[in-house]
Amino acid sequence: MIFLNSCYPSSTIPDPYYVSQDRQKENYYYLPPAANAPLLTEKGDVSATFMASSGKTASGAEIQAAGLPSKHIGVLASFSTGTNKSSKEDYTKHHQFELGAGYVTKFAHIWSFETYGGWGSGDVSNRHHTGSSKINANHFFLQPTIAVANKNRTVQLGMISKFSGVTSNMKYTFFDKDREQFSAAQIAALEDEPFHLMWEPGIAFRAGWRNVLFNAQYSHSSDLTNENLHREKDNFSLGIILKFNAITD
């Protein structure tokens, strides 16, 4: 009898039953958008902002718009999208939009204060190692901001404090919870406690010309309800603002 044995191991490596926690942590359950802080001060002011954003591992894009239809009343809208991806696949996809209105006032010539409140909606889709999940979320927010600027408002610095009450709704969970126990625990925590209060303080710096400003923003997201919720915590954004006055221009 003749036995033929190869000295090379099989090319097929069995998939480990328990997925590594490092892989499971590639999936997020909340991604903070950049705050829409218009820093408009004159009746008729209108702005549009376009930014690229990034966190520790996630990245995305932000589109924001705002206007002052009266001396002290402002309105705003924004849309954000982001992903956390490897070279081969998207681990997490995120979309969110917001609508709001607020009060604006100037004082001491170079200082201004604004506070916006509103509603938003979005979703977080995760591609797990063994399947997928999707979370829909609605939120209400309150965002006071104090800002200082030069006389022509071509240089502005804003200090932002945004509070959001986020209610999550699990759309579906199609992954092996025995093999991905960290992810399963995150899903279970959201199902047990769907409402989370987020505090996202930040800073915005803008400089440029009367109608075009370059914008840099940073904010940090703290979950005041459950600090252990696995999420992207930081948002650093760079972009451009187009601004004009619909009355005087």
Protein backbone atom coordinates (compact mmCIF):
# COMPACT_ATOMS: atom_id res chain seq x y z
CA MET A 1 0.00 0.00 0.00
CA ILE A 2 1.26 3.45 -0.89
CA PHE A 3 0.34 6.56 1.21
CA LEU A 4 0.78 10.03 -0.23
CA ASN A 5 1.14 12.77 2.39
CA SER A 6 1.58 16.46 1.69
CA CYS A 7 3.95 18.47 3.83
CA TYR A 8 1.79 21.60 3.33
CA PRO A 9 -1.18 22.36 5.59
CA SER A 10 -4.65 22.66 4.15
CA SER A 11 -5.40 26.06 2.55
CA THR A 12 -8.78 26.09 4.24
CA ILE A 13 -8.55 27.57 7.75
CA PRO A 14 -11.67 27.03 9.84
CA ASP A 15 -13.49 30.20 10.86
CA PRO A 16 -13.19 30.59 14.66
CA TYR A 17 -16.51 30.08 16.42
CA TYR A 18 -16.21 33.14 18.66
CA VAL A 19 -15.63 36.31 16.67
CA SER A 20 -12.82 38.41 18.12
CA GLN A 21 -13.92 41.42 20.14
CA ASP A 22 -11.67 43.64 18.04
CA ARG A 23 -13.73 42.72 14.97
CA GLN A 24 -16.99 43.23 16.82
CA LYS A 25 -15.85 46.70 17.91
CA GLU A 26 -15.58 47.72 14.27
CA ASN A 27 -19.38 48.07 14.44
CA TYR A 28 -20.83 51.23 16.01
CA TYR A 29 -24.29 51.93 17.40
CA TYR A 30 -24.17 55.74 17.34
CA LEU A 31 -22.13 58.19 15.26
CA PRO A 32 -22.32 61.91 16.15
CA PRO A 33 -22.75 64.41 13.32
CA ALA A 34 -21.08 67.81 13.28
CA ALA A 35 -23.18 70.47 14.99
CA ASN A 36 -24.98 72.87 12.67
CA ALA A 37 -24.01 76.15 14.35
CA PRO A 38 -24.73 78.88 11.74
CA LEU A 39 -23.39 81.90 13.73
CA LEU A 40 -25.56 84.19 11.59
CA THR A 41 -26.42 87.57 13.10
CA GLU A 42 -28.18 89.82 10.54
CA LYS A 43 -31.71 89.58 9.21
CA GLY A 44 -31.59 88.02 5.73
CA ASP A 45 -28.33 86.12 6.35
CA VAL A 46 -28.22 82.74 4.58
CA SER A 47 -25.46 80.12 4.67
CA ALA A 48 -24.62 76.74 3.16
CA THR A 49 -21.87 74.56 4.62
CA PHE A 50 -20.07 71.58 3.06
CA MET A 51 -17.70 69.54 5.24
CA ALA A 52 -15.77 66.31 5.38
CA SER A 53 -15.69 64.74 8.84
CA SER A 54 -13.75 62.03 10.63
CA GLY A 55 -13.55 60.36 14.03
CA LYS A 56 -11.26 57.74 15.52
CA THR A 57 -12.02 55.31 12.68
CA ALA A 58 -15.22 56.54 10.98
CA SER A 59 -15.44 59.22 8.27
CA GLY A 60 -18.22 61.01 6.47
CA ALA A 61 -19.67 64.16 4.92
CA GLU A 62 -21.91 66.95 6.21
CA ILE A 63 -24.22 69.34 4.36
CA GLN A 64 -25.79 72.17 6.35
CA ALA A 65 -28.02 75.16 5.58
CA ALA A 66 -29.35 78.01 7.72
CA GLY A 67 -31.04 81.38 7.47
CA LEU A 68 -32.36 84.33 9.50
CA PRO A 69 -35.81 85.29 8.18
CA SER A 70 -36.08 87.91 10.93
CA LYS A 71 -33.76 89.78 13.29
CA HIS A 72 -33.85 87.19 16.07
CA ILE A 73 -35.38 84.03 14.53
CA GLY A 74 -33.27 81.48 12.66
CA VAL A 75 -33.97 78.19 10.89
CA LEU A 76 -31.61 75.38 9.96
CA ALA A 77 -31.41 72.00 8.23
CA SER A 78 -28.61 69.47 7.90
CA PHE A 79 -27.77 66.05 6.47
CA SER A 80 -24.87 63.82 7.45
CA THR A 81 -23.61 60.48 6.27
CA GLY A 82 -20.71 58.37 7.46
CA THR A 83 -19.05 54.97 7.37
CA ASN A 84 -16.57 52.89 9.30
CA LYS A 85 -14.90 50.68 6.75
CA SER A 86 -11.99 48.43 6.01
CA SER A 87 -10.39 48.09 2.60
CA LYS A 88 -12.91 45.36 1.74
CA GLU A 89 -16.25 46.27 3.32
CA ASP A 90 -18.30 48.83 5.20
CA TYR A 91 -18.62 47.79 8.83
CA THR A 92 -21.04 50.62 9.70
CA LYS A 93 -23.12 53.05 7.63
CA HIS A 94 -24.86 56.07 9.12
CA HIS A 95 -27.35 58.65 7.80
CA GLN A 96 -29.07 61.47 9.65
CA PHE A 97 -30.97 64.69 8.97
CA GLU A 98 -32.06 67.51 11.28
CA LEU A 99 -34.53 70.39 11.12
CA GLY A 100 -34.61 73.20 13.67
CA ALA A 101 -35.39 76.77 14.60
CA GLY A 102 -34.00 79.10 17.20
CA TYR A 103 -33.32 82.49 18.74
CA VAL A 104 -30.33 84.70 17.84
CA THR A 105 -29.07 87.94 19.39
CA LYS A 106 -25.95 90.14 19.33
CA PHE A 107 -24.39 91.91 22.29
CA ALA A 108 -21.26 93.97 22.99
CA HIS A 109 -20.72 94.44 19.21
CA ILE A 110 -18.50 91.38 18.63
CA TRP A 111 -20.38 88.77 20.69
CA SER A 112 -23.47 86.79 19.74
CA PHE A 113 -25.64 84.10 21.26
CA GLU A 114 -27.85 81.57 19.51
CA THR A 115 -29.85 78.62 20.69
CA TYR A 116 -31.48 76.20 18.26
CA GLY A 117 -33.81 73.33 18.96
CA GLY A 118 -35.34 70.79 16.67
CA TRP A 119 -35.92 67.23 15.57
CA GLY A 120 -33.90 64.72 13.62
CA SER A 121 -34.06 61.17 12.31
CA GLY A 122 -31.55 58.65 11.00
CA ASP A 123 -30.29 55.09 10.97
CA VAL A 124 -27.19 53.02 11.68
CA SER A 125 -26.62 49.86 9.60
CA ASN A 126 -23.98 47.35 10.68
CA ARG A 127 -22.39 44.53 8.72
CA HIS A 128 -21.32 42.07 11.41
CA HIS A 129 -18.96 39.16 10.86
CA THR A 130 -21.89 36.74 10.88
CA GLY A 131 -24.72 38.91 9.53
CA SER A 132 -26.20 42.39 9.83
CA SER A 133 -28.32 44.73 11.95
CA LYS A 134 -30.07 48.07 11.53
CA ILE A 135 -31.13 50.69 14.07
CA ASN A 136 -33.53 53.54 13.33
CA ALA A 137 -33.36 56.55 15.65
CA ASN A 138 -35.27 59.77 16.25
CA HIS A 139 -34.01 62.60 18.40
CA PHE A 140 -34.79 66.04 19.75
CA PHE A 141 -31.98 68.49 20.33
CA LEU A 142 -31.19 71.78 22.05
CA GLN A 143 -28.02 73.59 21.00
CA PRO A 144 -26.93 76.84 22.71
CA THR A 145 -23.85 78.55 21.25
CA ILE A 146 -21.90 81.65 22.20
CA ALA A 147 -19.58 83.21 19.61
CA VAL A 148 -17.09 86.04 19.21
CA ALA A 149 -16.11 87.61 15.87
CA ASN A 150 -14.26 90.53 14.37
CA LYS A 151 -16.22 93.58 13.19
CA ASN A 152 -16.73 92.26 9.64
CA ARG A 153 -17.43 88.72 10.89
CA THR A 154 -14.78 87.27 8.62
CA VAL A 155 -13.22 85.54 11.66
CA GLN A 156 -15.51 83.72 14.10
CA LEU A 157 -15.04 81.44 17.09
CA GLY A 158 -18.05 79.56 18.45
CA MET A 159 -18.38 77.47 21.61
CA ILE A 160 -21.18 74.92 21.19
CA SER A 161 -23.05 72.77 23.71
CA LYS A 162 -25.50 70.36 22.09
CA PHE A 163 -27.88 68.10 24.01
CA SER A 164 -29.76 65.35 22.15
CA GLY A 165 -32.39 62.95 23.41
CA VAL A 166 -32.02 59.91 21.13
CA THR A 167 -34.61 57.13 20.96
CA SER A 168 -33.45 53.99 19.16
CA ASN A 169 -35.69 51.43 17.47
CA MET A 170 -34.18 48.09 16.47
CA LYS A 171 -35.19 47.43 12.86
CA TYR A 172 -33.61 44.00 12.58
CA THR A 173 -30.75 41.86 13.94
CA PHE A 174 -29.62 39.07 11.61
CA PHE A 175 -26.35 37.84 13.09
CA ASP A 176 -25.20 34.98 15.31
CA LYS A 177 -25.45 36.35 18.84
CA ASP A 178 -23.72 33.31 20.33
CA ARG A 179 -20.63 33.95 18.21
CA GLU A 180 -20.73 37.76 18.60
CA GLN A 181 -21.53 38.22 22.26
CA PHE A 182 -20.18 41.79 22.56
CA SER A 183 -22.43 42.92 19.70
CA ALA A 184 -25.36 41.01 21.16
CA ALA A 185 -24.85 42.78 24.51
CA GLN A 186 -24.89 46.18 22.76
CA ILE A 187 -28.15 45.33 20.98
CA ALA A 188 -29.71 44.03 24.21
CA ALA A 189 -28.70 47.22 26.09
CA LEU A 190 -30.35 49.39 23.43
CA GLU A 191 -33.51 47.29 23.50
CA ASP A 192 -33.66 47.49 27.31
CA GLU A 193 -32.92 51.25 27.39
CA PRO A 194 -33.79 52.78 23.99
CA PHE A 195 -33.65 56.43 25.16
CA HIS A 196 -30.20 58.00 25.55
CA LEU A 197 -29.26 61.56 26.48
CA MET A 198 -26.19 62.73 24.54
CA TRP A 199 -24.08 65.79 25.37
CA GLU A 200 -21.83 66.96 22.54
CA PRO A 201 -19.80 70.08 23.41
CA GLY A 202 -17.63 71.47 20.65
CA ILE A 203 -15.80 74.38 19.13
CA ALA A 204 -15.99 75.95 15.66
CA PHE A 205 -13.44 78.29 14.06
CA ARG A 206 -14.12 80.13 10.81
CA ALA A 207 -12.02 82.54 8.78
CA GLY A 208 -12.15 83.93 5.28
CA TRP A 209 -14.02 86.63 3.42
CA ARG A 210 -17.49 88.17 3.48
CA ASN A 211 -19.12 85.44 1.38
CA VAL A 212 -16.71 82.51 1.76
CA LEU A 213 -15.25 81.16 4.99
CA PHE A 214 -13.16 78.12 5.78
CA ASN A 215 -14.56 76.13 8.69
CA ALA A 216 -12.95 73.78 11.24
CA GLN A 217 -15.01 72.10 13.96
CA TYR A 218 -14.46 69.56 16.72
CA SER A 219 -16.97 67.98 19.10
CA HIS A 220 -16.89 65.12 21.60
CA SER A 221 -19.93 62.94 22.27
CA SER A 222 -20.72 61.83 25.82
CA ASP A 223 -23.56 59.38 26.49
CA LEU A 224 -25.06 60.55 29.78
CA THR A 225 -27.35 57.50 29.90
CA ASN A 226 -24.95 54.64 29.16
CA GLU A 227 -21.29 55.50 28.73
CA ASN A 228 -20.64 51.89 27.68
CA LEU A 229 -22.63 52.21 24.45
CA HIS A 230 -20.09 51.44 21.72
CA ARG A 231 -20.05 54.49 19.47
CA GLU A 232 -17.85 56.93 17.63
CA LYS A 233 -17.07 59.60 20.22
CA ASP A 234 -15.32 62.31 18.19
CA ASN A 235 -16.17 64.40 15.15
CA PHE A 236 -13.53 66.58 13.52
CA SER A 237 -14.78 68.42 10.43
CA LEU A 238 -13.20 70.63 7.79
CA GLY A 239 -15.07 72.46 5.08
CA ILE A 240 -16.26 75.62 3.43
CA ILE A 241 -19.14 78.00 4.17
CA LEU A 242 -20.92 80.07 1.50
CA LYS A 243 -22.71 83.01 3.08
CA PHE A 244 -24.69 85.97 1.76
CA ASN A 245 -27.46 88.33 2.82
CA ALA A 246 -30.65 87.92 0.81
CA ILE A 247 -31.77 91.46 1.61
CA THR A 248 -28.64 93.55 0.98
CA ASP A 249 -26.77 91.42 -1.61
